[in-house]
Amino acid sequence: MPEPSHESEHGRAAAPFGLAEVTGPSMVPTLHHGDQLVVQYGARVRPGDVVVLRHPFQQDLLVVKRAAERRAGGWWVLGDNAYAGGDSTDYGTVPDELILGTVRFRYRPLKPDQRSPLAVLRWAVSAARPVLADRSASRRLRAR
């Protein structure tokens, strides 16, 4: 099942950036449930980029996937967790108009059980990171 994301669309024309929240396991290990994302709307999509898109069959549902390969009719998108499903292997190529934007930054909130000084230190080191393109995505696609 694809993971729903929440997008703040108000003021989208004025500001090219917005926020989304990851729910579900399909992008593990890159993204985890609860991660907050900074999305650049209308950004050029390249193979390997993590993108936010409208689900082809449920357009009120937003999903976060990796753009693996450009094909006739749009993008072939995959989750980083091959066991989670909910990507182009289920619904095919995603048309360009359903790709909303590219994920640029990830923030992982502190969990309530992370109270020890060591846990807080680990969180502080890894909480905020840019989301980089994985250029091996199309090679993984051919390997499946």
Protein backbone atom coordinates (compact mmCIF):
# COMPACT_ATOMS: atom_id res chain seq x y z
CA MET A 1 0.00 0.00 0.00
CA PRO A 2 1.45 3.41 -0.85
CA GLU A 3 2.11 5.74 2.01
CA PRO A 4 -0.06 8.82 2.33
CA SER A 5 1.63 12.12 2.90
CA HIS A 6 0.25 15.42 4.05
CA GLU A 7 1.05 18.44 1.97
CA SER A 8 0.57 22.07 2.82
CA GLU A 9 -0.68 23.50 -0.44
CA HIS A 10 -1.75 26.94 0.72
CA GLY A 11 0.37 29.66 -0.82
CA ARG A 12 1.88 27.22 -3.30
CA ALA A 13 1.93 29.75 -6.13
CA ALA A 14 3.80 32.28 -4.00
CA ALA A 15 6.23 29.87 -2.37
CA PRO A 16 7.87 27.04 -4.34
CA PHE A 17 8.51 25.05 -1.14
CA GLY A 18 6.13 23.14 1.10
CA LEU A 19 6.05 20.49 3.80
CA ALA A 20 5.05 16.84 3.72
CA GLU A 21 5.02 14.10 6.35
CA VAL A 22 5.99 10.51 5.63
CA THR A 23 3.65 7.74 6.75
CA GLY A 24 4.44 4.13 6.00
CA PRO A 25 7.55 2.04 5.38
CA SER A 26 7.99 2.14 1.60
CA MET A 27 10.97 4.52 1.60
CA VAL A 28 12.96 2.88 4.43
CA PRO A 29 15.97 3.23 4.88
CA THR A 30 16.01 6.69 3.24
CA LEU A 31 12.86 7.98 4.94
CA HIS A 32 10.99 6.71 7.99
CA HIS A 33 7.44 7.04 9.27
CA GLY A 34 7.06 10.48 10.86
CA ASP A 35 9.87 12.18 8.91
CA GLN A 36 9.11 15.75 7.89
CA LEU A 37 10.06 16.69 4.32
CA VAL A 38 10.78 19.97 2.57
CA VAL A 39 9.42 19.67 -0.97
CA GLN A 40 10.35 21.94 -3.88
CA TYR A 41 7.28 22.20 -6.08
CA GLY A 42 7.72 22.27 -9.83
CA ALA A 43 11.41 21.31 -9.61
CA ARG A 44 12.94 19.43 -12.50
CA VAL A 45 12.86 15.70 -11.80
CA ARG A 46 15.92 13.62 -12.54
CA PRO A 47 16.39 9.85 -12.26
CA GLY A 48 17.14 8.99 -8.64
CA ASP A 49 15.29 11.98 -7.12
CA VAL A 50 12.81 11.42 -4.29
CA VAL A 51 9.49 12.94 -5.35
CA VAL A 52 6.04 13.65 -3.95
CA LEU A 53 3.24 12.66 -6.32
CA ARG A 54 -0.47 12.12 -6.49
CA HIS A 55 -1.40 8.43 -6.57
CA PRO A 56 -2.54 7.60 -10.13
CA PHE A 57 -5.74 5.86 -8.97
CA GLN A 58 -6.51 7.94 -5.84
CA GLN A 59 -5.48 11.48 -6.63
CA ASP A 60 -6.38 12.78 -3.16
CA LEU A 61 -3.64 10.47 -1.81
CA LEU A 62 -0.05 11.76 -1.89
CA VAL A 63 2.89 9.37 -1.97
CA VAL A 64 6.65 9.69 -1.68
CA LYS A 65 8.74 7.59 -4.08
CA ARG A 66 12.02 7.60 -5.97
CA ALA A 67 11.87 8.55 -9.66
CA ALA A 68 13.73 5.59 -11.14
CA GLU A 69 13.43 6.07 -14.87
CA ARG A 70 11.82 8.32 -17.47
CA ARG A 71 9.52 6.36 -19.77
CA ALA A 72 6.96 7.09 -22.44
CA GLY A 73 4.03 8.63 -20.60
CA GLY A 74 5.86 9.72 -17.45
CA TRP A 75 8.05 8.41 -14.63
CA TRP A 76 8.60 4.91 -13.31
CA VAL A 77 8.70 5.36 -9.52
CA LEU A 78 9.90 2.91 -6.87
CA GLY A 79 9.98 2.76 -3.10
CA ASP A 80 13.39 2.21 -1.52
CA ASN A 81 11.92 -0.68 0.49
CA ALA A 82 11.33 -3.37 -2.14
CA TYR A 83 9.11 -5.36 0.25
CA ALA A 84 6.60 -2.57 0.91
CA GLY A 85 5.13 -2.28 -2.61
CA GLY A 86 2.82 0.54 -3.67
CA ASP A 87 4.90 1.87 -6.54
CA SER A 88 5.01 1.66 -10.35
CA THR A 89 5.19 -2.12 -10.18
CA ASP A 90 1.56 -1.87 -8.98
CA TYR A 91 0.22 1.11 -10.96
CA GLY A 92 2.59 1.64 -13.88
CA THR A 93 4.09 4.84 -15.19
CA VAL A 94 3.12 8.07 -13.40
CA PRO A 95 2.19 10.98 -15.73
CA ASP A 96 4.23 14.17 -15.33
CA GLU A 97 1.23 16.18 -14.14
CA LEU A 98 0.91 13.94 -11.07
CA ILE A 99 4.50 14.63 -9.93
CA LEU A 100 4.18 17.59 -7.54
CA GLY A 101 7.76 18.20 -6.50
CA THR A 102 11.17 16.97 -5.45
CA VAL A 103 12.13 16.29 -1.83
CA ARG A 104 15.13 18.42 -0.86
CA PHE A 105 15.44 18.02 2.90
CA ARG A 106 14.41 15.59 5.66
CA TYR A 107 13.89 16.30 9.35
CA ARG A 108 13.42 13.39 11.74
CA PRO A 109 11.60 14.52 14.94
CA LEU A 110 12.85 13.40 18.34
CA LYS A 111 10.88 10.39 19.61
CA PRO A 112 9.49 10.46 23.16
CA ASP A 113 11.60 7.43 24.18
CA GLN A 114 14.85 9.16 23.15
CA ARG A 115 15.69 10.66 26.54
CA SER A 116 19.17 9.45 27.37
CA PRO A 117 22.01 11.85 26.56
CA LEU A 118 23.46 9.33 24.08
CA ALA A 119 20.11 8.94 22.28
CA VAL A 120 19.67 12.72 22.09
CA LEU A 121 23.21 13.09 20.75
CA ARG A 122 22.58 10.45 18.05
CA TRP A 123 19.35 12.19 17.12
CA ALA A 124 21.07 15.61 16.95
CA VAL A 125 23.69 14.26 14.56
CA SER A 126 21.19 12.65 12.18
CA ALA A 127 17.92 14.59 12.59
CA ALA A 128 18.22 16.97 9.65
CA ARG A 129 19.73 15.94 6.34
CA PRO A 130 19.41 16.77 2.66
CA VAL A 131 17.71 14.08 0.59
CA LEU A 132 20.09 13.26 -2.21
CA ALA A 133 19.34 11.57 -5.51
CA ASP A 134 20.30 7.94 -5.78
CA ARG A 135 21.70 7.59 -9.26
CA SER A 136 21.67 3.78 -9.02
CA ALA A 137 17.85 3.70 -9.05
CA SER A 138 17.59 2.79 -12.73
CA ARG A 139 20.16 0.00 -12.24
CA ARG A 140 17.99 -1.42 -9.42
CA LEU A 141 15.01 -1.25 -11.76
CA ARG A 142 16.78 -3.43 -14.33
CA ALA A 143 17.83 -5.88 -11.63
CA ARG A 144 14.24 -6.57 -10.49
